PDB file of N, CA and C in Angstrom:
ATOM      1  N   UNK A   1      -2.179   4.560 -30.753  1.00  0.00           N
ATOM      2  CA  UNK A   1      -2.246   5.137 -29.321  1.00  0.00           C
ATOM      3  C   UNK A   1      -1.358   6.282 -29.247  1.00  0.00           C
ATOM      4  N   UNK A   2      -1.963   7.345 -28.704  1.00  0.00           N
ATOM      5  CA  UNK A   2      -1.110   8.547 -28.582  1.00  0.00           C
ATOM      6  C   UNK A   2      -0.681   8.664 -27.163  1.00  0.00           C
ATOM      7  N   UNK A   3       0.256   9.682 -26.919  1.00  0.00           N
ATOM      8  CA  UNK A   3       0.901   9.827 -25.573  1.00  0.00           C
ATOM      9  C   UNK A   3      -0.138  10.076 -24.489  1.00  0.00           C
ATOM     10  N   UNK A   4      -1.245  10.741 -24.802  1.00  0.00           N
ATOM     11  CA  UNK A   4      -2.259  11.129 -23.764  1.00  0.00           C
ATOM     12  C   UNK A   4      -2.930   9.757 -23.339  1.00  0.00           C
ATOM     13  N   UNK A   5      -3.263   8.868 -24.217  1.00  0.00           N
ATOM     14  CA  UNK A   5      -3.887   7.675 -23.896  1.00  0.00           C
ATOM     15  C   UNK A   5      -2.928   6.847 -23.000  1.00  0.00           C
ATOM     16  N   UNK A   6      -1.656   6.731 -23.358  1.00  0.00           N
ATOM     17  CA  UNK A   6      -0.718   6.112 -22.406  1.00  0.00           C
ATOM     18  C   UNK A   6      -0.510   6.793 -21.095  1.00  0.00           C
ATOM     19  N   UNK A   7      -0.483   7.936 -21.001  1.00  0.00           N
ATOM     20  CA  UNK A   7      -0.463   8.753 -19.718  1.00  0.00           C
ATOM     21  C   UNK A   7      -1.812   8.404 -18.917  1.00  0.00           C
ATOM     22  N   UNK A   8      -2.866   8.404 -19.474  1.00  0.00           N
ATOM     23  CA  UNK A   8      -4.084   8.063 -18.836  1.00  0.00           C
ATOM     24  C   UNK A   8      -4.100   6.606 -18.269  1.00  0.00           C
ATOM     25  N   UNK A   9      -3.498   5.727 -19.084  1.00  0.00           N
ATOM     26  CA  UNK A   9      -3.465   4.287 -18.556  1.00  0.00           C
ATOM     27  C   UNK A   9      -2.424   4.102 -17.440  1.00  0.00           C
ATOM     28  N   UNK A  10      -1.333   4.814 -17.482  1.00  0.00           N
ATOM     29  CA  UNK A  10      -0.357   4.826 -16.467  1.00  0.00           C
ATOM     30  C   UNK A  10      -0.985   5.402 -15.216  1.00  0.00           C
ATOM     31  N   UNK A  11      -1.692   6.544 -15.191  1.00  0.00           N
ATOM     32  CA  UNK A  11      -2.339   7.170 -14.114  1.00  0.00           C
ATOM     33  C   UNK A  11      -3.395   6.249 -13.423  1.00  0.00           C
ATOM     34  N   UNK A  12      -4.218   5.544 -14.316  1.00  0.00           N
ATOM     35  CA  UNK A  12      -5.189   4.566 -13.654  1.00  0.00           C
ATOM     36  C   UNK A  12      -4.547   3.370 -13.119  1.00  0.00           C
ATOM     37  N   UNK A  13      -3.456   2.928 -13.638  1.00  0.00           N
ATOM     38  CA  UNK A  13      -2.777   1.753 -13.141  1.00  0.00           C
ATOM     39  C   UNK A  13      -2.133   2.210 -11.772  1.00  0.00           C
ATOM     40  N   UNK A  14      -1.538   3.314 -11.801  1.00  0.00           N
ATOM     41  CA  UNK A  14      -0.952   3.779 -10.480  1.00  0.00           C
ATOM     42  C   UNK A  14      -2.048   3.860  -9.356  1.00  0.00           C
ATOM     43  N   UNK A  15      -3.200   4.432  -9.688  1.00  0.00           N
ATOM     44  CA  UNK A  15      -4.271   4.590  -8.778  1.00  0.00           C
ATOM     45  C   UNK A  15      -4.710   3.203  -8.199  1.00  0.00           C
ATOM     46  N   UNK A  16      -4.895   2.254  -9.108  1.00  0.00           N
ATOM     47  CA  UNK A  16      -5.225   0.951  -8.806  1.00  0.00           C
ATOM     48  C   UNK A  16      -4.291   0.345  -7.862  1.00  0.00           C
ATOM     49  N   UNK A  17      -2.998   0.467  -8.104  1.00  0.00           N
ATOM     50  CA  UNK A  17      -1.985  -0.068  -7.219  1.00  0.00           C
ATOM     51  C   UNK A  17      -2.003   0.556  -5.808  1.00  0.00           C
ATOM     52  N   UNK A  18      -2.048   1.986  -5.819  1.00  0.00           N
ATOM     53  CA  UNK A  18      -2.160   2.608  -4.579  1.00  0.00           C
ATOM     54  C   UNK A  18      -3.360   2.130  -3.828  1.00  0.00           C
ATOM     55  N   UNK A  19      -4.496   2.032  -4.415  1.00  0.00           N
ATOM     56  CA  UNK A  19      -5.645   1.589  -3.637  1.00  0.00           C
ATOM     57  C   UNK A  19      -5.438   0.123  -3.122  1.00  0.00           C
ATOM     58  N   UNK A  20      -4.773  -0.669  -3.972  1.00  0.00           N
ATOM     59  CA  UNK A  20      -4.581  -2.001  -3.456  1.00  0.00           C
ATOM     60  C   UNK A  20      -3.612  -2.024  -2.272  1.00  0.00           C
ATOM     61  N   UNK A  21      -2.573  -1.147  -2.160  1.00  0.00           N
ATOM     62  CA  UNK A  21      -1.721  -1.189  -1.104  1.00  0.00           C
ATOM     63  C   UNK A  21      -2.433  -0.548   0.167  1.00  0.00           C
ATOM     64  N   UNK A  22      -3.371   0.457   0.011  1.00  0.00           N
ATOM     65  CA  UNK A  22      -4.036   0.877   1.092  1.00  0.00           C
ATOM     66  C   UNK A  22      -5.037  -0.188   1.640  1.00  0.00           C
ATOM     67  N   UNK A  23      -5.635  -0.919   0.779  1.00  0.00           N
ATOM     68  CA  UNK A  23      -6.592  -1.994   1.228  1.00  0.00           C
ATOM     69  C   UNK A  23      -5.785  -3.038   1.953  1.00  0.00           C
ATOM     70  N   UNK A  24      -4.571  -3.490   1.504  1.00  0.00           N
ATOM     71  CA  UNK A  24      -3.769  -4.391   2.146  1.00  0.00           C
ATOM     72  C   UNK A  24      -3.312  -3.910   3.631  1.00  0.00           C
ATOM     73  N   UNK A  25      -2.923  -2.735   3.570  1.00  0.00           N
ATOM     74  CA  UNK A  25      -2.405  -2.218   4.941  1.00  0.00           C
ATOM     75  C   UNK A  25      -3.625  -2.015   5.909  1.00  0.00           C
ATOM     76  N   UNK A  26      -4.670  -1.787   5.484  1.00  0.00           N
ATOM     77  CA  UNK A  26      -5.892  -1.668   6.426  1.00  0.00           C
ATOM     78  C   UNK A  26      -6.710  -2.917   6.619  1.00  0.00           C
ATOM     79  N   UNK A  27      -6.339  -4.026   6.001  1.00  0.00           N
ATOM     80  CA  UNK A  27      -7.037  -5.311   6.231  1.00  0.00           C
ATOM     81  C   UNK A  27      -6.791  -5.778   7.654  1.00  0.00           C
ATOM     82  N   UNK A  28      -7.744  -6.375   8.196  1.00  0.00           N
ATOM     83  CA  UNK A  28      -7.593  -6.828   9.707  1.00  0.00           C
ATOM     84  C   UNK A  28      -6.634  -8.018   9.905  1.00  0.00           C
ATOM     85  N   UNK A  29      -6.412  -8.770   8.927  1.00  0.00           N
ATOM     86  CA  UNK A  29      -5.413  -9.918   9.064  1.00  0.00           C
ATOM     87  C   UNK A  29      -3.953  -9.458   9.324  1.00  0.00           C
ATOM     88  N   UNK A  30      -3.660  -8.178   8.984  1.00  0.00           N
ATOM     89  CA  UNK A  30      -2.212  -7.715   9.099  1.00  0.00           C
ATOM     90  C   UNK A  30      -2.110  -7.022  10.520  1.00  0.00           C
ATOM     91  N   UNK A  31      -3.131  -6.791  11.262  1.00  0.00           N
ATOM     92  CA  UNK A  31      -3.061  -5.894  12.386  1.00  0.00           C
ATOM     93  C   UNK A  31      -2.103  -6.353  13.498  1.00  0.00           C
ATOM     94  N   UNK A  32      -2.111  -7.698  13.731  1.00  0.00           N
ATOM     95  CA  UNK A  32      -1.185  -8.207  14.818  1.00  0.00           C
ATOM     96  C   UNK A  32       0.289  -7.952  14.344  1.00  0.00           C
ATOM     97  N   UNK A  33       0.548  -8.307  13.072  1.00  0.00           N
ATOM     98  CA  UNK A  33       1.918  -8.137  12.529  1.00  0.00           C
ATOM     99  C   UNK A  33       2.300  -6.695  12.639  1.00  0.00           C
ATOM    100  N   UNK A  34       1.412  -5.700  12.238  1.00  0.00           N
ATOM    101  CA  UNK A  34       1.803  -4.392  12.278  1.00  0.00           C
ATOM    102  C   UNK A  34       1.972  -3.826  13.645  1.00  0.00           C
ATOM    103  N   UNK A  35       1.210  -4.269  14.625  1.00  0.00           N
ATOM    104  CA  UNK A  35       1.261  -3.867  15.965  1.00  0.00           C
ATOM    105  C   UNK A  35       2.654  -4.380  16.504  1.00  0.00           C
ATOM    106  N   UNK A  36       3.155  -5.592  16.188  1.00  0.00           N
ATOM    107  CA  UNK A  36       4.385  -6.013  16.599  1.00  0.00           C
ATOM    108  C   UNK A  36       5.469  -5.105  16.105  1.00  0.00           C
ATOM    109  N   UNK A  37       5.517  -4.821  14.796  1.00  0.00           N
ATOM    110  CA  UNK A  37       6.557  -3.939  14.132  1.00  0.00           C
ATOM    111  C   UNK A  37       6.424  -2.653  14.776  1.00  0.00           C
ATOM    112  N   UNK A  38       5.207  -2.092  15.098  1.00  0.00           N
ATOM    113  CA  UNK A  38       5.200  -0.702  15.628  1.00  0.00           C
ATOM    114  C   UNK A  38       5.904  -0.623  17.126  1.00  0.00           C
ATOM    115  N   UNK A  39       5.934  -1.839  17.797  1.00  0.00           N
ATOM    116  CA  UNK A  39       6.469  -1.840  19.153  1.00  0.00           C
ATOM    117  C   UNK A  39       7.932  -2.258  19.277  1.00  0.00           C
ATOM    118  N   UNK A  40       8.515  -2.510  18.112  1.00  0.00           N
ATOM    119  CA  UNK A  40       9.913  -2.985  18.072  1.00  0.00           C
ATOM    120  C   UNK A  40      10.956  -1.977  18.664  1.00  0.00           C
ATOM    121  N   UNK A  41      10.774  -0.629  18.290  1.00  0.00           N
ATOM    122  CA  UNK A  41      11.742   0.294  18.942  1.00  0.00           C
ATOM    123  C   UNK A  41      11.712   0.415  20.452  1.00  0.00           C
ATOM    124  N   UNK A  42      10.666  -0.052  21.051  1.00  0.00           N
ATOM    125  CA  UNK A  42      10.500   0.069  22.424  1.00  0.00           C
ATOM    126  C   UNK A  42      10.950  -1.216  23.318  1.00  0.00           C
ATOM    127  N   UNK A  43      11.258  -2.194  22.582  1.00  0.00           N
ATOM    128  CA  UNK A  43      11.591  -3.515  23.283  1.00  0.00           C
ATOM    129  C   UNK A  43      13.103  -3.274  23.707  1.00  0.00           C
ATOM    130  N   UNK A  44      13.401  -3.769  24.832  1.00  0.00           N
ATOM    131  CA  UNK A  44      14.693  -3.791  25.494  1.00  0.00           C
ATOM    132  C   UNK A  44      15.504  -5.036  25.036  1.00  0.00           C
ATOM    133  N   UNK A  45      16.770  -4.939  24.831  1.00  0.00           N
ATOM    134  CA  UNK A  45      17.698  -6.022  24.452  1.00  0.00           C
ATOM    135  C   UNK A  45      18.050  -6.994  25.566  1.00  0.00           C
TER     136      UNK A  45
END
């Protein structure tokens, strides 16, 4: 295995992880939790 093969595998792994995070963030089951977190700075103590 040469360095270019290793670099290619790391790039593909990083892309898959990135797409997984994007899919998780845009999934509908997290919307309520993210909406709550987005409104935290506007709540009064």
